[in-house]
N, C-alpha and C. Protein backbone atom coordinates (compact mmCIF):
# COMPACT_ATOMS: atom_id res chain seq x y z
N MET A 1 152.04 85.60 231.05
CA MET A 1 153.01 84.59 231.42
C MET A 1 154.34 84.93 230.76
N SER A 2 155.39 84.93 231.52
CA SER A 2 156.72 85.21 230.99
C SER A 2 157.34 83.95 230.40
N TYR A 3 158.43 84.14 229.66
CA TYR A 3 159.16 82.98 229.13
C TYR A 3 159.70 82.12 230.27
N ASP A 4 160.12 82.74 231.35
CA ASP A 4 160.63 82.01 232.50
C ASP A 4 159.53 81.16 233.13
N THR A 5 158.34 81.73 233.29
CA THR A 5 157.21 80.98 233.84
C THR A 5 156.83 79.83 232.92
N GLN A 6 156.82 80.08 231.62
CA GLN A 6 156.53 79.04 230.63
C GLN A 6 157.53 77.89 230.75
N ARG A 7 158.82 78.23 230.77
CA ARG A 7 159.87 77.21 230.88
C ARG A 7 159.72 76.40 232.15
N ASN A 8 159.49 77.08 233.28
CA ASN A 8 159.32 76.37 234.55
C ASN A 8 158.14 75.41 234.51
N ALA A 9 157.03 75.83 233.93
CA ALA A 9 155.84 74.97 233.85
C ALA A 9 156.13 73.72 233.02
N ILE A 10 156.77 73.90 231.87
CA ILE A 10 157.07 72.76 230.99
C ILE A 10 158.08 71.83 231.65
N GLN A 11 159.16 72.39 232.20
CA GLN A 11 160.18 71.55 232.83
C GLN A 11 159.63 70.82 234.05
N THR A 12 158.82 71.48 234.85
CA THR A 12 158.26 70.85 236.04
C THR A 12 157.34 69.69 235.67
N ARG A 13 156.46 69.91 234.69
CA ARG A 13 155.57 68.83 234.25
C ARG A 13 156.39 67.64 233.75
N PHE A 14 157.37 67.92 232.90
CA PHE A 14 158.16 66.83 232.34
C PHE A 14 158.93 66.09 233.44
N LYS A 15 159.61 66.82 234.30
CA LYS A 15 160.41 66.20 235.35
C LYS A 15 159.55 65.32 236.26
N THR A 16 158.41 65.84 236.69
CA THR A 16 157.54 65.10 237.60
C THR A 16 157.04 63.81 236.97
N LEU A 17 156.53 63.90 235.75
CA LEU A 17 155.93 62.72 235.11
C LEU A 17 156.99 61.76 234.57
N TRP A 18 158.11 62.29 234.07
CA TRP A 18 159.18 61.42 233.58
C TRP A 18 159.78 60.62 234.74
N GLN A 19 160.12 61.30 235.82
CA GLN A 19 160.76 60.62 236.95
C GLN A 19 159.82 59.63 237.64
N ALA A 20 158.52 59.81 237.50
CA ALA A 20 157.57 58.82 238.05
C ALA A 20 157.72 57.48 237.33
N SER A 21 158.07 57.52 236.04
CA SER A 21 158.25 56.29 235.25
C SER A 21 159.69 55.83 235.18
N TYR A 22 160.63 56.79 235.09
CA TYR A 22 162.05 56.46 234.88
C TYR A 22 162.93 57.30 235.81
N PRO A 23 162.93 56.99 237.10
CA PRO A 23 163.68 57.82 238.05
C PRO A 23 165.19 57.79 237.86
N THR A 24 165.72 56.79 237.18
CA THR A 24 167.18 56.69 237.04
C THR A 24 167.69 57.23 235.69
N ILE A 25 166.79 57.62 234.81
CA ILE A 25 167.19 58.14 233.50
C ILE A 25 167.22 59.67 233.60
N PRO A 26 168.41 60.29 233.53
CA PRO A 26 168.52 61.73 233.76
C PRO A 26 167.94 62.57 232.62
N ILE A 27 167.59 63.80 233.01
CA ILE A 27 167.09 64.81 232.07
C ILE A 27 168.16 65.88 231.93
N VAL A 28 168.49 66.23 230.69
CA VAL A 28 169.42 67.31 230.40
C VAL A 28 168.60 68.50 229.92
N TYR A 29 168.81 69.66 230.52
CA TYR A 29 168.09 70.88 230.14
C TYR A 29 169.02 71.81 229.37
N ASP A 30 168.42 72.71 228.56
CA ASP A 30 169.19 73.68 227.79
C ASP A 30 170.14 74.48 228.67
N ASN A 31 171.36 74.63 228.20
CA ASN A 31 172.37 75.51 228.79
C ASN A 31 172.69 75.20 230.25
N LEU A 32 172.52 73.95 230.65
CA LEU A 32 172.91 73.51 231.99
C LEU A 32 173.84 72.31 231.87
N ARG A 33 174.84 72.28 232.71
CA ARG A 33 175.76 71.14 232.73
C ARG A 33 175.02 69.94 233.33
N ALA A 34 175.17 68.80 232.70
CA ALA A 34 174.47 67.61 233.18
C ALA A 34 175.26 66.37 232.80
N GLU A 35 175.05 65.35 233.59
CA GLU A 35 175.67 64.05 233.33
C GLU A 35 174.89 63.34 232.23
N LYS A 36 175.61 62.90 231.20
CA LYS A 36 174.99 62.11 230.14
C LYS A 36 175.28 60.65 230.46
N ALA A 37 174.34 60.03 231.13
CA ALA A 37 174.52 58.67 231.66
C ALA A 37 174.77 57.66 230.54
N PRO A 38 175.69 56.73 230.76
CA PRO A 38 175.98 55.73 229.72
C PRO A 38 174.80 54.81 229.41
N ASP A 39 173.83 54.71 230.34
CA ASP A 39 172.65 53.88 230.10
C ASP A 39 171.55 54.62 229.36
N GLY A 40 171.77 55.90 229.05
CA GLY A 40 170.80 56.68 228.31
C GLY A 40 170.34 57.89 229.11
N TYR A 41 169.76 58.83 228.39
CA TYR A 41 169.25 60.06 228.99
C TYR A 41 168.29 60.72 228.02
N VAL A 42 167.59 61.75 228.50
CA VAL A 42 166.72 62.55 227.65
C VAL A 42 167.14 64.00 227.76
N ALA A 43 166.93 64.77 226.70
CA ALA A 43 167.29 66.19 226.68
C ALA A 43 166.06 66.99 226.28
N LEU A 44 165.61 67.87 227.17
CA LEU A 44 164.42 68.69 226.94
C LEU A 44 164.83 70.08 226.47
N SER A 45 164.24 70.52 225.36
CA SER A 45 164.46 71.88 224.84
C SER A 45 163.12 72.53 224.56
N ILE A 46 163.08 73.84 224.72
CA ILE A 46 161.88 74.61 224.40
C ILE A 46 162.26 75.61 223.32
N LEU A 47 161.63 75.48 222.17
CA LEU A 47 161.92 76.32 221.01
C LEU A 47 160.78 77.30 220.84
N ASN A 48 161.05 78.58 221.06
CA ASN A 48 160.02 79.60 220.96
C ASN A 48 159.91 80.14 219.54
N GLY A 49 158.67 80.43 219.13
CA GLY A 49 158.42 81.00 217.81
C GLY A 49 158.06 82.47 217.92
N ALA A 50 157.66 83.05 216.82
CA ALA A 50 157.29 84.47 216.76
C ALA A 50 155.86 84.64 217.27
N SER A 51 155.67 85.57 218.19
CA SER A 51 154.32 85.82 218.71
C SER A 51 153.50 86.56 217.66
N ALA A 52 152.17 86.49 217.84
CA ALA A 52 151.27 87.14 216.89
C ALA A 52 150.14 87.82 217.65
N LEU A 53 149.72 88.96 217.17
CA LEU A 53 148.57 89.66 217.72
C LEU A 53 147.33 88.97 217.18
N ARG A 54 146.48 88.44 218.07
CA ARG A 54 145.32 87.64 217.65
C ARG A 54 143.98 88.32 217.90
N GLY A 55 143.99 89.41 218.68
CA GLY A 55 142.72 90.07 218.94
C GLY A 55 142.93 91.49 219.44
N MET A 56 142.08 92.40 218.96
CA MET A 56 142.16 93.80 219.35
C MET A 56 140.98 94.12 220.26
N GLY A 57 141.08 95.21 220.96
CA GLY A 57 139.99 95.65 221.82
C GLY A 57 140.59 96.29 223.06
N ALA A 58 139.79 96.34 224.11
CA ALA A 58 140.28 96.91 225.36
C ALA A 58 141.52 96.15 225.84
N GLN A 59 141.50 94.85 225.64
CA GLN A 59 142.69 94.04 225.91
C GLN A 59 143.07 93.32 224.62
N ARG A 60 144.33 93.35 224.30
CA ARG A 60 144.82 92.69 223.09
C ARG A 60 145.30 91.28 223.44
N LEU A 61 144.97 90.33 222.57
CA LEU A 61 145.37 88.94 222.76
C LEU A 61 146.61 88.67 221.92
N PHE A 62 147.68 88.22 222.58
CA PHE A 62 148.90 87.80 221.91
C PHE A 62 149.05 86.29 222.06
N ARG A 63 149.39 85.63 220.96
CA ARG A 63 149.61 84.18 220.98
C ARG A 63 151.10 83.91 220.79
N TYR A 64 151.63 83.09 221.68
CA TYR A 64 153.04 82.72 221.65
C TYR A 64 153.15 81.24 221.28
N PRO A 65 153.64 80.91 220.10
CA PRO A 65 153.81 79.52 219.71
C PRO A 65 155.21 79.02 220.07
N GLY A 66 155.35 77.72 220.10
CA GLY A 66 156.65 77.12 220.32
C GLY A 66 156.60 75.63 220.10
N VAL A 67 157.71 74.99 220.38
CA VAL A 67 157.81 73.53 220.26
C VAL A 67 158.54 73.01 221.48
N ILE A 68 157.94 72.01 222.12
CA ILE A 68 158.62 71.26 223.18
C ILE A 68 159.32 70.11 222.47
N SER A 69 160.62 70.03 222.61
CA SER A 69 161.42 69.03 221.91
C SER A 69 162.18 68.18 222.92
N VAL A 70 162.02 66.87 222.82
CA VAL A 70 162.72 65.95 223.71
C VAL A 70 163.52 64.97 222.87
N ASP A 71 164.84 65.00 223.04
CA ASP A 71 165.72 64.04 222.39
C ASP A 71 165.95 62.89 223.36
N VAL A 72 165.79 61.68 222.86
CA VAL A 72 165.96 60.46 223.65
C VAL A 72 167.23 59.77 223.16
N PHE A 73 168.11 59.45 224.10
CA PHE A 73 169.37 58.77 223.78
C PHE A 73 169.44 57.47 224.55
N VAL A 74 169.61 56.36 223.83
CA VAL A 74 169.84 55.05 224.46
C VAL A 74 171.10 54.46 223.84
N PRO A 75 171.75 53.55 224.57
CA PRO A 75 172.98 52.96 224.02
C PRO A 75 172.76 52.38 222.63
N ALA A 76 173.71 52.63 221.73
CA ALA A 76 173.62 52.14 220.35
C ALA A 76 173.70 50.62 220.33
N GLU A 77 173.10 50.06 219.29
CA GLU A 77 173.14 48.64 219.00
C GLU A 77 172.45 47.80 220.07
N LYS A 78 171.38 48.37 220.67
CA LYS A 78 170.59 47.64 221.68
C LYS A 78 169.15 47.47 221.24
N GLY A 79 168.84 47.82 220.00
CA GLY A 79 167.47 47.71 219.51
C GLY A 79 166.66 48.96 219.80
N THR A 80 165.38 48.92 219.40
CA THR A 80 164.54 50.11 219.53
C THR A 80 163.41 49.97 220.54
N LYS A 81 163.30 48.85 221.21
CA LYS A 81 162.19 48.65 222.14
C LYS A 81 162.19 49.72 223.24
N LEU A 82 163.35 49.97 223.84
CA LEU A 82 163.45 50.95 224.92
C LEU A 82 163.14 52.36 224.39
N LEU A 83 163.62 52.68 223.19
CA LEU A 83 163.30 53.98 222.58
C LEU A 83 161.80 54.14 222.41
N ASP A 84 161.15 53.11 221.93
CA ASP A 84 159.70 53.17 221.75
C ASP A 84 158.97 53.38 223.08
N GLN A 85 159.43 52.70 224.12
CA GLN A 85 158.82 52.87 225.45
C GLN A 85 158.99 54.30 225.94
N TYR A 86 160.21 54.84 225.80
CA TYR A 86 160.46 56.21 226.23
C TYR A 86 159.62 57.20 225.43
N ALA A 87 159.56 57.02 224.11
CA ALA A 87 158.78 57.91 223.25
C ALA A 87 157.29 57.86 223.62
N ASP A 88 156.78 56.67 223.91
CA ASP A 88 155.38 56.55 224.32
C ASP A 88 155.12 57.28 225.64
N THR A 89 156.06 57.18 226.57
CA THR A 89 155.92 57.89 227.85
C THR A 89 155.90 59.39 227.63
N ILE A 90 156.83 59.89 226.82
CA ILE A 90 156.91 61.33 226.54
C ILE A 90 155.64 61.80 225.84
N GLU A 91 155.15 61.01 224.92
CA GLU A 91 153.91 61.36 224.22
C GLU A 91 152.76 61.50 225.22
N GLY A 92 152.70 60.61 226.19
CA GLY A 92 151.66 60.69 227.22
C GLY A 92 151.77 61.92 228.11
N ILE A 93 152.96 62.47 228.22
CA ILE A 93 153.17 63.65 229.06
C ILE A 93 152.68 64.92 228.35
N PHE A 94 152.86 65.03 227.04
CA PHE A 94 152.59 66.29 226.35
C PHE A 94 151.52 66.26 225.26
N ARG A 95 151.16 65.11 224.73
CA ARG A 95 150.24 65.08 223.58
C ARG A 95 148.84 65.57 223.96
N ALA A 96 148.40 66.63 223.27
CA ALA A 96 147.03 67.15 223.38
C ALA A 96 146.61 67.44 224.82
N VAL A 97 147.51 68.03 225.60
CA VAL A 97 147.17 68.40 226.98
C VAL A 97 147.27 69.92 227.14
N SER A 98 146.57 70.41 228.16
CA SER A 98 146.64 71.81 228.52
C SER A 98 147.03 71.89 230.00
N PHE A 99 148.03 72.71 230.30
CA PHE A 99 148.48 72.88 231.68
C PHE A 99 149.09 74.27 231.83
N ASN A 100 148.83 74.92 232.93
CA ASN A 100 149.40 76.23 233.25
C ASN A 100 149.29 77.25 232.10
N GLY A 101 148.20 77.20 231.34
CA GLY A 101 148.02 78.13 230.24
C GLY A 101 148.73 77.74 228.95
N ILE A 102 149.31 76.55 228.91
CA ILE A 102 150.03 76.05 227.74
C ILE A 102 149.18 74.95 227.10
N LEU A 103 148.95 75.06 225.80
CA LEU A 103 148.15 74.07 225.08
C LEU A 103 149.05 73.33 224.10
N CYS A 104 149.23 72.04 224.31
CA CYS A 104 150.08 71.21 223.45
C CYS A 104 149.25 70.55 222.36
N ARG A 105 149.87 70.32 221.23
CA ARG A 105 149.22 69.68 220.08
C ARG A 105 149.67 68.22 219.98
N SER A 106 149.61 67.66 218.77
CA SER A 106 149.98 66.26 218.58
C SER A 106 151.49 66.10 218.42
N VAL A 107 151.91 64.85 218.43
CA VAL A 107 153.33 64.51 218.46
C VAL A 107 153.94 64.42 217.06
N ASP A 108 155.23 64.70 217.00
CA ASP A 108 156.04 64.47 215.80
C ASP A 108 157.28 63.70 216.26
N ARG A 109 157.45 62.50 215.75
CA ARG A 109 158.61 61.68 216.12
C ARG A 109 159.55 61.56 214.93
N ARG A 110 160.85 61.75 215.22
CA ARG A 110 161.89 61.60 214.18
C ARG A 110 162.98 60.68 214.71
N ASP A 111 163.21 59.61 214.01
CA ASP A 111 164.32 58.73 214.35
C ASP A 111 165.57 59.29 213.67
N LEU A 112 166.55 59.72 214.47
CA LEU A 112 167.69 60.46 213.95
C LEU A 112 168.97 59.64 213.81
N GLY A 113 168.97 58.41 214.32
CA GLY A 113 170.12 57.55 214.11
C GLY A 113 171.20 57.67 215.17
N LYS A 114 172.37 57.12 214.83
CA LYS A 114 173.46 57.02 215.79
C LYS A 114 174.18 58.36 215.97
N GLN A 115 174.45 58.68 217.24
CA GLN A 115 175.23 59.86 217.61
C GLN A 115 176.15 59.45 218.75
N ASP A 116 177.44 59.50 218.51
CA ASP A 116 178.43 59.00 219.46
C ASP A 116 178.11 57.54 219.77
N ASN A 117 177.92 57.19 221.01
CA ASN A 117 177.61 55.80 221.38
C ASN A 117 176.14 55.59 221.67
N PHE A 118 175.29 56.50 221.16
CA PHE A 118 173.85 56.44 221.43
C PHE A 118 173.05 56.41 220.14
N TRP A 119 171.84 55.82 220.24
CA TRP A 119 170.85 55.95 219.18
C TRP A 119 169.90 57.04 219.63
N ARG A 120 169.55 57.95 218.71
CA ARG A 120 168.80 59.16 219.07
C ARG A 120 167.46 59.24 218.34
N VAL A 121 166.43 59.58 219.12
CA VAL A 121 165.09 59.83 218.59
C VAL A 121 164.63 61.17 219.14
N ASN A 122 163.96 61.97 218.30
CA ASN A 122 163.39 63.23 218.76
C ASN A 122 161.87 63.11 218.77
N VAL A 123 161.28 63.54 219.89
CA VAL A 123 159.83 63.58 220.04
C VAL A 123 159.48 65.03 220.34
N SER A 124 158.62 65.65 219.52
CA SER A 124 158.33 67.07 219.71
C SER A 124 156.84 67.35 219.61
N PHE A 125 156.46 68.48 220.24
CA PHE A 125 155.06 68.87 220.34
C PHE A 125 154.93 70.37 220.13
N PRO A 126 154.23 70.82 219.09
CA PRO A 126 153.94 72.24 218.98
C PRO A 126 153.03 72.65 220.16
N PHE A 127 153.21 73.89 220.64
CA PHE A 127 152.36 74.39 221.70
C PHE A 127 152.10 75.87 221.50
N THR A 128 151.07 76.37 222.17
CA THR A 128 150.80 77.80 222.20
C THR A 128 150.43 78.20 223.63
N ARG A 129 150.64 79.47 223.89
CA ARG A 129 150.13 80.09 225.12
C ARG A 129 149.65 81.47 224.74
N ASP A 130 148.59 81.93 225.39
CA ASP A 130 148.00 83.23 225.10
C ASP A 130 148.20 84.19 226.26
N GLU A 131 148.32 85.46 225.89
CA GLU A 131 148.43 86.53 226.90
C GLU A 131 147.53 87.68 226.52
N LEU A 132 146.85 88.23 227.50
CA LEU A 132 146.06 89.44 227.30
C LEU A 132 146.86 90.63 227.83
N HIS A 133 146.89 91.71 227.02
CA HIS A 133 147.58 92.95 227.43
C HIS A 133 146.65 94.12 227.26
């Protein structure tokens, strides 16, 4: 699986399941121009780690780790109920699931505070994918 295939699988899963619950809340992807809606938005990033050789033999197993990171932005000074709902939805999309050769782990939530006119929370999930060569 290439990095491009990995990114497409993660973005497609997130977009499909997020928009099923919140069709009007936009998703911002890495290195793409996007509208940051005044009512809030989410930003999806994929952070790749260093691969490791995990098995030798006729075919070698390489493990590619990473982190799926979703920043949630809601208007500041509106409370945290909406943030909690969004974080719960995101957790349901990625926590302890396997899809397209990607295995996600448990969630890490960080409340990051005010940024511009938004309150920001980060929800992230370590993941791995394996390749035989």
